[in-house]
Amino acid sequence: MNKSFKDQFSSWTNSISNDADVDWTGQLRILNEITDLITPRLSLREIIAVIYQNVNKLMDAYQFCVGIYDEKEGLIHYSGMIEEGKPLPDFSIDATDDGRLASWCIRHEQDIFMNDLDREYSKYLLIKPQPLAGIQPKAALYIPIKLNDKIVGLVVVRTIHKNVYQPHHLYVLKTVGNFVVRALELARISAAPFVQGKGRTKEWRWNSMEELPARSKKTLQLLTEREKEVLFLLVTGLPNKVIAEKLFVSNGTVKTHTLHIYQKMDVGNRSSAILKAVELGWVV
């Protein structure tokens, strides 16, 4: 059985709370800023550019990139990689390539943590890999990212300096990776269905309760009828002000409803709530 979010968060906090040298208030503030900046309206290239500036406040991200794993093609696609503030050409690699660290990360679904790549690469590969773009790194972090327990890509940070990474940097990148993949998935879900032929647009509707699996139905039953109304209007893309006008309530009341929705759905923001409502099959 998968751990709940609360269990995972408790495990995470317990494992890192002993690191007294980390300014967690500052780290979490910057992560929160990153969350606010990443929206479904941004392309992957734009998302990477936004993250790059902020991640460098948290760790040495001389080079930063996000690889998207295409399972059907068996390829990892890199778009918008940034090195020392400058973009690098896009490229793809074979996810089955035994000579690439990214491929190892995807295949084994495990993190790669190296503070001295020259000595530590042998934990993962037989031969030291040569970069396909940019610098020859001295240290690197590779973090697989998942959606619905399925590997969909990875986040990579590399630098020309040795011994600059700490274990908590892995958790920072995992969080950033989750922000990225959820924003991209929400953009895909929101955009693709809206064009259904000439002049036709997607009209969302609630799914029948009888068609929902037991777990999905149980979660939906936690919401009040008013909260369901607010959630549905969130799914259609309306801002709080318009939702308030439609329901003849104040903006503050809508905000209160959305906070209750987030708590009951175990999510942290609007994008995650919309994505989860779609994932659970509540709206179609």
C-alpha atoms as a PDB file:
ATOM      1  CA  MET A   1       0.000   0.000   0.000  1.00  0.00           C
ATOM      2  CA  ASN A   2       1.328   3.453  -0.879  1.00  0.00           C
ATOM      3  CA  LYS A   3       2.166   5.789   1.957  1.00  0.00           C
ATOM      4  CA  SER A   4      -0.203   8.694   2.469  1.00  0.00           C
ATOM      5  CA  PHE A   5       1.078  12.211   1.952  1.00  0.00           C
ATOM      6  CA  LYS A   6       1.161  12.717   5.732  1.00  0.00           C
ATOM      7  CA  ASP A   7       3.239   9.573   6.215  1.00  0.00           C
ATOM      8  CA  GLN A   8       5.664  10.589   3.481  1.00  0.00           C
ATOM      9  CA  PHE A   9       5.966  14.115   4.861  1.00  0.00           C
ATOM     10  CA  SER A  10       6.559  12.815   8.383  1.00  0.00           C
ATOM     11  CA  SER A  11       9.257  10.458   7.117  1.00  0.00           C
ATOM     12  CA  TRP A  12      10.882  13.293   5.174  1.00  0.00           C
ATOM     13  CA  THR A  13      10.911  15.718   8.103  1.00  0.00           C
ATOM     14  CA  ASN A  14      12.275  13.091  10.469  1.00  0.00           C
ATOM     15  CA  SER A  15      15.119  12.240   8.118  1.00  0.00           C
ATOM     16  CA  ILE A  16      16.325  15.800   7.648  1.00  0.00           C
ATOM     17  CA  SER A  17      15.390  17.595  10.865  1.00  0.00           C
ATOM     18  CA  ASN A  18      18.747  16.773  12.450  1.00  0.00           C
ATOM     19  CA  ASP A  19      20.608  18.891   9.897  1.00  0.00           C
ATOM     20  CA  ALA A  20      21.047  22.026  12.001  1.00  0.00           C
ATOM     21  CA  ASP A  21      23.186  23.780   9.390  1.00  0.00           C
ATOM     22  CA  VAL A  22      20.287  24.234   6.967  1.00  0.00           C
ATOM     23  CA  ASP A  23      18.179  27.388   7.016  1.00  0.00           C
ATOM     24  CA  TRP A  24      14.862  25.600   6.525  1.00  0.00           C
ATOM     25  CA  THR A  25      12.824  28.785   6.786  1.00  0.00           C
ATOM     26  CA  GLY A  26      14.719  30.280   3.875  1.00  0.00           C
ATOM     27  CA  GLN A  27      14.662  27.043   1.890  1.00  0.00           C
ATOM     28  CA  LEU A  28      10.904  26.622   2.256  1.00  0.00           C
ATOM     29  CA  ARG A  29      10.284  30.267   1.403  1.00  0.00           C
ATOM     30  CA  ILE A  30      12.139  29.885  -1.885  1.00  0.00           C
ATOM     31  CA  LEU A  31      10.326  26.606  -2.643  1.00  0.00           C
ATOM     32  CA  ASN A  32       7.042  28.391  -2.039  1.00  0.00           C
ATOM     33  CA  GLU A  33       8.098  31.126  -4.463  1.00  0.00           C
ATOM     34  CA  ILE A  34       8.893  28.472  -7.064  1.00  0.00           C
ATOM     35  CA  THR A  35       5.429  26.942  -6.564  1.00  0.00           C
ATOM     36  CA  ASP A  36       3.776  30.293  -7.217  1.00  0.00           C
ATOM     37  CA  LEU A  37       5.813  30.861 -10.385  1.00  0.00           C
ATOM     38  CA  ILE A  38       5.148  27.472 -12.029  1.00  0.00           C
ATOM     39  CA  THR A  39       1.780  27.472 -13.778  1.00  0.00           C
ATOM     40  CA  PRO A  40       0.199  25.343 -16.529  1.00  0.00           C
ATOM     41  CA  ARG A  41       0.425  28.339 -18.875  1.00  0.00           C
ATOM     42  CA  LEU A  42       4.208  27.986 -19.086  1.00  0.00           C
ATOM     43  CA  SER A  43       6.049  25.753 -21.535  1.00  0.00           C
ATOM     44  CA  LEU A  44       8.725  23.378 -20.243  1.00  0.00           C
ATOM     45  CA  ARG A  45      11.405  25.759 -21.494  1.00  0.00           C
ATOM     46  CA  GLU A  46       9.805  28.656 -19.588  1.00  0.00           C
ATOM     47  CA  ILE A  47       9.382  26.547 -16.449  1.00  0.00           C
ATOM     48  CA  ILE A  48      13.063  25.585 -16.489  1.00  0.00           C
ATOM     49  CA  ALA A  49      14.110  29.213 -16.889  1.00  0.00           C
ATOM     50  CA  VAL A  50      11.942  30.197 -13.919  1.00  0.00           C
ATOM     51  CA  ILE A  51      13.245  27.388 -11.724  1.00  0.00           C
ATOM     52  CA  TYR A  52      16.890  27.918 -12.642  1.00  0.00           C
ATOM     53  CA  GLN A  53      17.096  31.336 -11.002  1.00  0.00           C
ATOM     54  CA  ASN A  54      15.489  30.095  -7.791  1.00  0.00           C
ATOM     55  CA  VAL A  55      17.201  26.721  -7.509  1.00  0.00           C
ATOM     56  CA  ASN A  56      20.565  28.508  -7.607  1.00  0.00           C
ATOM     57  CA  LYS A  57      19.563  30.158  -4.340  1.00  0.00           C
ATOM     58  CA  LEU A  58      19.213  26.703  -2.797  1.00  0.00           C
ATOM     59  CA  MET A  59      22.211  24.859  -4.250  1.00  0.00           C
ATOM     60  CA  ASP A  60      24.973  25.001  -6.848  1.00  0.00           C
ATOM     61  CA  ALA A  61      22.952  24.558 -10.043  1.00  0.00           C
ATOM     62  CA  TYR A  62      25.588  25.509 -12.578  1.00  0.00           C
ATOM     63  CA  GLN A  63      23.628  23.354 -15.012  1.00  0.00           C
ATOM     64  CA  PHE A  64      19.913  22.592 -14.614  1.00  0.00           C
ATOM     65  CA  CYS A  65      17.565  20.562 -16.771  1.00  0.00           C
ATOM     66  CA  VAL A  66      14.411  18.461 -16.799  1.00  0.00           C
ATOM     67  CA  GLY A  67      14.218  15.328 -18.910  1.00  0.00           C
ATOM     68  CA  ILE A  68      10.805  14.056 -20.037  1.00  0.00           C
ATOM     69  CA  TYR A  69      10.592  10.272 -20.417  1.00  0.00           C
ATOM     70  CA  ASP A  70       8.636   9.006 -23.426  1.00  0.00           C
ATOM     71  CA  GLU A  71       7.959   5.370 -22.572  1.00  0.00           C
ATOM     72  CA  LYS A  72       6.565   4.510 -26.000  1.00  0.00           C
ATOM     73  CA  GLU A  73       9.648   5.797 -27.816  1.00  0.00           C
ATOM     74  CA  GLY A  74      12.017   4.710 -25.064  1.00  0.00           C
ATOM     75  CA  LEU A  75      13.639   8.147 -25.118  1.00  0.00           C
ATOM     76  CA  ILE A  76      14.407  10.889 -22.614  1.00  0.00           C
ATOM     77  CA  HIS A  77      13.866  14.331 -24.158  1.00  0.00           C
ATOM     78  CA  TYR A  78      15.697  17.409 -22.878  1.00  0.00           C
ATOM     79  CA  SER A  79      14.363  20.836 -23.766  1.00  0.00           C
ATOM     80  CA  GLY A  80      15.494  24.155 -22.328  1.00  0.00           C
ATOM     81  CA  MET A  81      18.612  22.986 -20.486  1.00  0.00           C
ATOM     82  CA  ILE A  82      20.437  25.927 -18.905  1.00  0.00           C
ATOM     83  CA  GLU A  83      24.148  26.171 -18.083  1.00  0.00           C
ATOM     84  CA  GLU A  84      25.583  29.199 -16.293  1.00  0.00           C
ATOM     85  CA  GLY A  85      22.500  31.178 -17.289  1.00  0.00           C
ATOM     86  CA  LYS A  86      22.699  30.269 -20.987  1.00  0.00           C
ATOM     87  CA  PRO A  87      20.423  27.858 -22.909  1.00  0.00           C
ATOM     88  CA  LEU A  88      21.869  24.705 -24.463  1.00  0.00           C
ATOM     89  CA  PRO A  89      20.591  22.866 -27.565  1.00  0.00           C
ATOM     90  CA  ASP A  90      17.771  20.358 -27.121  1.00  0.00           C
ATOM     91  CA  PHE A  91      18.608  16.672 -27.426  1.00  0.00           C
ATOM     92  CA  SER A  92      17.300  13.189 -26.600  1.00  0.00           C
ATOM     93  CA  ILE A  93      18.916  10.023 -25.264  1.00  0.00           C
ATOM     94  CA  ASP A  94      18.029   6.349 -25.305  1.00  0.00           C
ATOM     95  CA  ALA A  95      16.490   5.350 -21.977  1.00  0.00           C
ATOM     96  CA  THR A  96      18.057   1.889 -22.313  1.00  0.00           C
ATOM     97  CA  ASP A  97      21.601   3.214 -22.859  1.00  0.00           C
ATOM     98  CA  ASP A  98      23.852   1.541 -20.271  1.00  0.00           C
ATOM     99  CA  GLY A  99      26.364   4.369 -20.594  1.00  0.00           C
ATOM    100  CA  ARG A 100      24.162   7.281 -19.478  1.00  0.00           C
ATOM    101  CA  LEU A 101      23.422   8.327 -15.910  1.00  0.00           C
ATOM    102  CA  ALA A 102      19.980   9.636 -16.840  1.00  0.00           C
ATOM    103  CA  SER A 103      19.053   6.261 -18.328  1.00  0.00           C
ATOM    104  CA  TRP A 104      20.250   4.499 -15.161  1.00  0.00           C
ATOM    105  CA  CYS A 105      18.120   6.875 -13.064  1.00  0.00           C
ATOM    106  CA  ILE A 106      15.000   6.167 -15.146  1.00  0.00           C
ATOM    107  CA  ARG A 107      15.500   2.387 -15.386  1.00  0.00           C
ATOM    108  CA  HIS A 108      16.244   1.898 -11.695  1.00  0.00           C
ATOM    109  CA  GLU A 109      13.823   4.594 -10.500  1.00  0.00           C
ATOM    110  CA  GLN A 110      16.464   5.753  -8.032  1.00  0.00           C
ATOM    111  CA  ASP A 111      18.285   8.969  -7.157  1.00  0.00           C
ATOM    112  CA  ILE A 112      21.896   9.548  -8.139  1.00  0.00           C
ATOM    113  CA  PHE A 113      23.977  11.538  -5.660  1.00  0.00           C
ATOM    114  CA  MET A 114      27.597  12.326  -6.561  1.00  0.00           C
ATOM    115  CA  ASN A 115      29.842  14.926  -4.977  1.00  0.00           C
ATOM    116  CA  ASP A 116      32.864  13.663  -6.890  1.00  0.00           C
ATOM    117  CA  LEU A 117      31.756  12.298 -10.252  1.00  0.00           C
ATOM    118  CA  ASP A 118      35.256  11.168 -11.233  1.00  0.00           C
ATOM    119  CA  ARG A 119      35.314   8.719  -8.331  1.00  0.00           C
ATOM    120  CA  GLU A 120      31.614   7.934  -7.859  1.00  0.00           C
ATOM    121  CA  TYR A 121      30.338   7.297 -11.394  1.00  0.00           C
ATOM    122  CA  SER A 122      31.378   3.637 -11.044  1.00  0.00           C
ATOM    123  CA  LYS A 123      28.516   3.092  -8.590  1.00  0.00           C
ATOM    124  CA  TYR A 124      26.195   3.431 -11.576  1.00  0.00           C
ATOM    125  CA  LEU A 125      28.156   2.905 -14.811  1.00  0.00           C
ATOM    126  CA  LEU A 126      31.140   0.925 -16.066  1.00  0.00           C
ATOM    127  CA  ILE A 127      32.620   3.816 -18.027  1.00  0.00           C
ATOM    128  CA  LYS A 128      32.651   7.508 -17.140  1.00  0.00           C
ATOM    129  CA  PRO A 129      30.056   9.201 -19.374  1.00  0.00           C
ATOM    130  CA  GLN A 130      30.901  12.120 -21.640  1.00  0.00           C
ATOM    131  CA  PRO A 131      28.384  14.996 -21.714  1.00  0.00           C
ATOM    132  CA  LEU A 132      26.184  15.361 -24.782  1.00  0.00           C
ATOM    133  CA  ALA A 133      25.807  19.069 -24.070  1.00  0.00           C
ATOM    134  CA  GLY A 134      27.685  21.539 -21.918  1.00  0.00           C
ATOM    135  CA  ILE A 135      30.388  21.059 -19.305  1.00  0.00           C
ATOM    136  CA  GLN A 136      32.035  17.951 -17.952  1.00  0.00           C
ATOM    137  CA  PRO A 137      30.555  17.995 -14.442  1.00  0.00           C
ATOM    138  CA  LYS A 138      32.426  17.330 -11.218  1.00  0.00           C
ATOM    139  CA  ALA A 139      29.301  16.730  -9.115  1.00  0.00           C
ATOM    140  CA  ALA A 140      25.728  15.866 -10.034  1.00  0.00           C
ATOM    141  CA  LEU A 141      22.251  15.014  -8.755  1.00  0.00           C
ATOM    142  CA  TYR A 142      19.697  13.022 -10.771  1.00  0.00           C
ATOM    143  CA  ILE A 143      16.173  12.724  -9.386  1.00  0.00           C
ATOM    144  CA  PRO A 144      13.444  10.592 -11.039  1.00  0.00           C
ATOM    145  CA  ILE A 145      10.006  12.205 -11.022  1.00  0.00           C
ATOM    146  CA  LYS A 146       6.712  10.327 -10.970  1.00  0.00           C
ATOM    147  CA  LEU A 147       3.066  10.926 -11.742  1.00  0.00           C
ATOM    148  CA  ASN A 148       0.569   8.384 -10.405  1.00  0.00           C
ATOM    149  CA  ASP A 149       3.466   6.140  -9.314  1.00  0.00           C
ATOM    150  CA  LYS A 150       4.822   6.053 -12.859  1.00  0.00           C
ATOM    151  CA  ILE A 151       8.201   7.441 -13.928  1.00  0.00           C
ATOM    152  CA  VAL A 152       7.661  10.370 -16.293  1.00  0.00           C
ATOM    153  CA  GLY A 153      11.058  12.069 -16.248  1.00  0.00           C
ATOM    154  CA  LEU A 154      13.891  13.346 -14.123  1.00  0.00           C
ATOM    155  CA  VAL A 155      15.434  16.528 -12.748  1.00  0.00           C
ATOM    156  CA  VAL A 156      19.182  16.995 -13.144  1.00  0.00           C
ATOM    157  CA  VAL A 157      21.545  19.446 -11.457  1.00  0.00           C
ATOM    158  CA  ARG A 158      25.265  19.430 -12.251  1.00  0.00           C
ATOM    159  CA  THR A 159      28.212  21.663 -11.484  1.00  0.00           C
ATOM    160  CA  ILE A 160      31.926  22.172 -12.165  1.00  0.00           C
ATOM    161  CA  HIS A 161      32.647  22.100  -8.413  1.00  0.00           C
ATOM    162  CA  LYS A 162      33.156  19.099  -6.145  1.00  0.00           C
ATOM    163  CA  ASN A 163      31.656  18.412  -2.716  1.00  0.00           C
ATOM    164  CA  VAL A 164      28.900  21.033  -2.874  1.00  0.00           C
ATOM    165  CA  TYR A 165      25.765  18.914  -2.416  1.00  0.00           C
ATOM    166  CA  GLN A 166      24.057  17.839   0.779  1.00  0.00           C
ATOM    167  CA  PRO A 167      21.414  15.109   1.248  1.00  0.00           C
ATOM    168  CA  HIS A 168      18.606  17.624   1.705  1.00  0.00           C
ATOM    169  CA  HIS A 169      19.214  18.907  -1.834  1.00  0.00           C
ATOM    170  CA  LEU A 170      17.668  15.643  -3.059  1.00  0.00           C
ATOM    171  CA  TYR A 171      14.423  16.498  -1.276  1.00  0.00           C
ATOM    172  CA  VAL A 172      14.446  20.017  -2.681  1.00  0.00           C
ATOM    173  CA  LEU A 173      14.770  18.657  -6.226  1.00  0.00           C
ATOM    174  CA  LYS A 174      12.075  16.023  -5.651  1.00  0.00           C
ATOM    175  CA  THR A 175       9.708  18.826  -4.648  1.00  0.00           C
ATOM    176  CA  VAL A 176      10.668  20.946  -7.651  1.00  0.00           C
ATOM    177  CA  GLY A 177      10.230  17.926  -9.935  1.00  0.00           C
ATOM    178  CA  ASN A 178       6.731  17.335  -8.628  1.00  0.00           C
ATOM    179  CA  PHE A 179       5.840  20.983  -9.280  1.00  0.00           C
ATOM    180  CA  VAL A 180       7.074  20.670 -12.854  1.00  0.00           C
ATOM    181  CA  VAL A 181       5.412  17.407 -13.801  1.00  0.00           C
ATOM    182  CA  ARG A 182       2.059  18.384 -12.319  1.00  0.00           C
ATOM    183  CA  ALA A 183       2.073  21.716 -14.127  1.00  0.00           C
ATOM    184  CA  LEU A 184       2.871  19.996 -17.434  1.00  0.00           C
ATOM    185  CA  GLU A 185       0.253  17.310 -16.910  1.00  0.00           C
ATOM    186  CA  LEU A 186      -2.381  19.858 -15.971  1.00  0.00           C
ATOM    187  CA  ALA A 187      -1.527  21.869 -19.070  1.00  0.00           C
ATOM    188  CA  ARG A 188      -1.905  18.721 -21.195  1.00  0.00           C
ATOM    189  CA  ILE A 189      -5.220  17.751 -19.629  1.00  0.00           C
ATOM    190  CA  SER A 190      -6.580  21.276 -19.805  1.00  0.00           C
ATOM    191  CA  ALA A 191      -5.497  21.977 -23.371  1.00  0.00           C
ATOM    192  CA  ALA A 192      -5.999  18.738 -25.276  1.00  0.00           C
ATOM    193  CA  PRO A 193      -9.728  18.169 -24.688  1.00  0.00           C
ATOM    194  CA  PHE A 194     -10.748  21.731 -25.432  1.00  0.00           C
ATOM    195  CA  VAL A 195     -10.495  21.329 -29.201  1.00  0.00           C
ATOM    196  CA  GLN A 196     -13.036  18.773 -30.405  1.00  0.00           C
ATOM    197  CA  GLY A 197     -13.533  19.712 -34.003  1.00  0.00           C
ATOM    198  CA  LYS A 198     -14.398  22.966 -35.668  1.00  0.00           C
ATOM    199  CA  GLY A 199     -15.648  25.559 -33.243  1.00  0.00           C
ATOM    200  CA  ARG A 200     -16.307  23.019 -30.491  1.00  0.00           C
ATOM    201  CA  THR A 201     -14.930  23.364 -26.996  1.00  0.00           C
ATOM    202  CA  LYS A 202     -14.740  21.005 -24.064  1.00  0.00           C
ATOM    203  CA  GLU A 203     -17.734  21.098 -21.742  1.00  0.00           C
ATOM    204  CA  TRP A 204     -16.796  19.610 -18.405  1.00  0.00           C
ATOM    205  CA  ARG A 205     -19.339  17.575 -16.472  1.00  0.00           C
ATOM    206  CA  TRP A 206     -19.430  15.603 -13.237  1.00  0.00           C
ATOM    207  CA  ASN A 207     -18.975  11.894 -13.694  1.00  0.00           C
ATOM    208  CA  SER A 208     -21.661   9.552 -12.378  1.00  0.00           C
ATOM    209  CA  MET A 209     -21.011   8.406  -8.806  1.00  0.00           C
ATOM    210  CA  GLU A 210     -21.794   4.843  -9.883  1.00  0.00           C
ATOM    211  CA  GLU A 211     -18.872   4.905 -12.319  1.00  0.00           C
ATOM    212  CA  LEU A 212     -16.307   5.945  -9.701  1.00  0.00           C
ATOM    213  CA  PRO A 213     -14.069   3.429  -7.907  1.00  0.00           C
ATOM    214  CA  ALA A 214     -14.605   3.092  -4.149  1.00  0.00           C
ATOM    215  CA  ARG A 215     -11.545   5.156  -3.133  1.00  0.00           C
ATOM    216  CA  SER A 216     -12.458   7.992  -5.501  1.00  0.00           C
ATOM    217  CA  LYS A 217     -16.083   7.985  -4.354  1.00  0.00           C
ATOM    218  CA  LYS A 218     -15.056   8.042  -0.681  1.00  0.00           C
ATOM    219  CA  THR A 219     -12.882  11.133  -1.181  1.00  0.00           C
ATOM    220  CA  LEU A 220     -15.559  12.934  -3.189  1.00  0.00           C
ATOM    221  CA  GLN A 221     -18.095  12.347  -0.414  1.00  0.00           C
ATOM    222  CA  LEU A 222     -15.920  14.444   1.903  1.00  0.00           C
ATOM    223  CA  LEU A 223     -16.847  17.572  -0.070  1.00  0.00           C
ATOM    224  CA  THR A 224     -20.018  19.528   0.635  1.00  0.00           C
ATOM    225  CA  GLU A 225     -22.347  20.373  -2.234  1.00  0.00           C
ATOM    226  CA  ARG A 226     -21.100  23.975  -2.226  1.00  0.00           C
ATOM    227  CA  GLU A 227     -17.485  22.817  -2.268  1.00  0.00           C
ATOM    228  CA  LYS A 228     -18.276  20.611  -5.270  1.00  0.00           C
ATOM    229  CA  GLU A 229     -19.732  23.652  -7.028  1.00  0.00           C
ATOM    230  CA  VAL A 230     -16.584  25.661  -6.335  1.00  0.00           C
ATOM    231  CA  LEU A 231     -14.301  22.809  -7.410  1.00  0.00           C
ATOM    232  CA  PHE A 232     -16.181  22.373 -10.671  1.00  0.00           C
ATOM    233  CA  LEU A 233     -15.814  26.064 -11.466  1.00  0.00           C
ATOM    234  CA  LEU A 234     -12.108  25.806 -10.656  1.00  0.00           C
ATOM    235  CA  VAL A 235     -11.834  22.967 -13.173  1.00  0.00           C
ATOM    236  CA  THR A 236     -13.446  25.110 -15.862  1.00  0.00           C
ATOM    237  CA  GLY A 237     -10.665  27.643 -15.350  1.00  0.00           C
ATOM    238  CA  LEU A 238     -12.565  30.495 -13.718  1.00  0.00           C
ATOM    239  CA  PRO A 239     -10.732  32.855 -11.334  1.00  0.00           C
ATOM    240  CA  ASN A 240     -12.006  33.322  -7.771  1.00  0.00           C
ATOM    241  CA  LYS A 241     -13.595  36.671  -8.568  1.00  0.00           C
ATOM    242  CA  VAL A 242     -15.785  35.195 -11.324  1.00  0.00           C
ATOM    243  CA  ILE A 243     -16.642  32.171  -9.181  1.00  0.00           C
ATOM    244  CA  ALA A 244     -17.782  34.535  -6.423  1.00  0.00           C
ATOM    245  CA  GLU A 245     -20.003  36.406  -8.882  1.00  0.00           C
ATOM    246  CA  LYS A 246     -21.559  33.201 -10.211  1.00  0.00           C
ATOM    247  CA  LEU A 247     -22.319  31.883  -6.733  1.00  0.00           C
ATOM    248  CA  PHE A 248     -23.348  35.297  -5.333  1.00  0.00           C
ATOM    249  CA  VAL A 249     -20.803  35.159  -2.518  1.00  0.00           C
ATOM    250  CA  SER A 250     -17.709  37.164  -1.577  1.00  0.00           C
ATOM    251  CA  ASN A 251     -14.159  36.462  -2.732  1.00  0.00           C
ATOM    252  CA  GLY A 252     -13.304  35.621   0.874  1.00  0.00           C
ATOM    253  CA  THR A 253     -16.003  32.958   0.977  1.00  0.00           C
ATOM    254  CA  VAL A 254     -14.677  31.386  -2.208  1.00  0.00           C
ATOM    255  CA  LYS A 255     -11.168  31.382  -0.747  1.00  0.00           C
ATOM    256  CA  THR A 256     -12.454  29.663   2.396  1.00  0.00           C
ATOM    257  CA  HIS A 257     -14.181  27.007   0.292  1.00  0.00           C
ATOM    258  CA  THR A 258     -11.046  26.404  -1.775  1.00  0.00           C
ATOM    259  CA  LEU A 259      -8.932  25.967   1.369  1.00  0.00           C
ATOM    260  CA  HIS A 260     -11.409  23.379   2.680  1.00  0.00           C
ATOM    261  CA  ILE A 261     -11.311  21.638  -0.700  1.00  0.00           C
ATOM    262  CA  TYR A 262      -7.513  21.500  -0.637  1.00  0.00           C
ATOM    263  CA  GLN A 263      -7.516  20.043   2.878  1.00  0.00           C
ATOM    264  CA  LYS A 264     -10.063  17.357   2.056  1.00  0.00           C
ATOM    265  CA  MET A 265      -8.345  16.441  -1.214  1.00  0.00           C
ATOM    266  CA  ASP A 266      -4.907  16.461   0.452  1.00  0.00           C
ATOM    267  CA  VAL A 267      -3.463  18.941  -2.071  1.00  0.00           C
ATOM    268  CA  GLY A 268      -1.695  22.256  -1.721  1.00  0.00           C
ATOM    269  CA  ASN A 269      -3.005  24.471  -4.499  1.00  0.00           C
ATOM    270  CA  ARG A 270      -5.537  25.019  -7.293  1.00  0.00           C
ATOM    271  CA  SER A 271      -3.539  23.240  -9.997  1.00  0.00           C
ATOM    272  CA  SER A 272      -3.106  20.127  -7.868  1.00  0.00           C
ATOM    273  CA  ALA A 273      -6.802  20.101  -6.952  1.00  0.00           C
ATOM    274  CA  ILE A 274      -7.865  20.304 -10.599  1.00  0.00           C
ATOM    275  CA  LEU A 275      -5.411  17.616 -11.644  1.00  0.00           C
ATOM    276  CA  LYS A 276      -6.504  15.304  -8.834  1.00  0.00           C
ATOM    277  CA  ALA A 277     -10.193  15.806  -9.672  1.00  0.00           C
ATOM    278  CA  VAL A 278      -9.436  14.698 -13.229  1.00  0.00           C
ATOM    279  CA  GLU A 279      -7.211  11.821 -12.089  1.00  0.00           C
ATOM    280  CA  LEU A 280      -9.909  10.527  -9.750  1.00  0.00           C
ATOM    281  CA  GLY A 281     -12.452  10.662 -12.561  1.00  0.00           C
ATOM    282  CA  TRP A 282     -14.754  13.149 -10.837  1.00  0.00           C
ATOM    283  CA  VAL A 283     -14.973  15.352 -13.912  1.00  0.00           C
ATOM    284  CA  VAL A 284     -14.853  14.311 -17.565  1.00  0.00           C
END
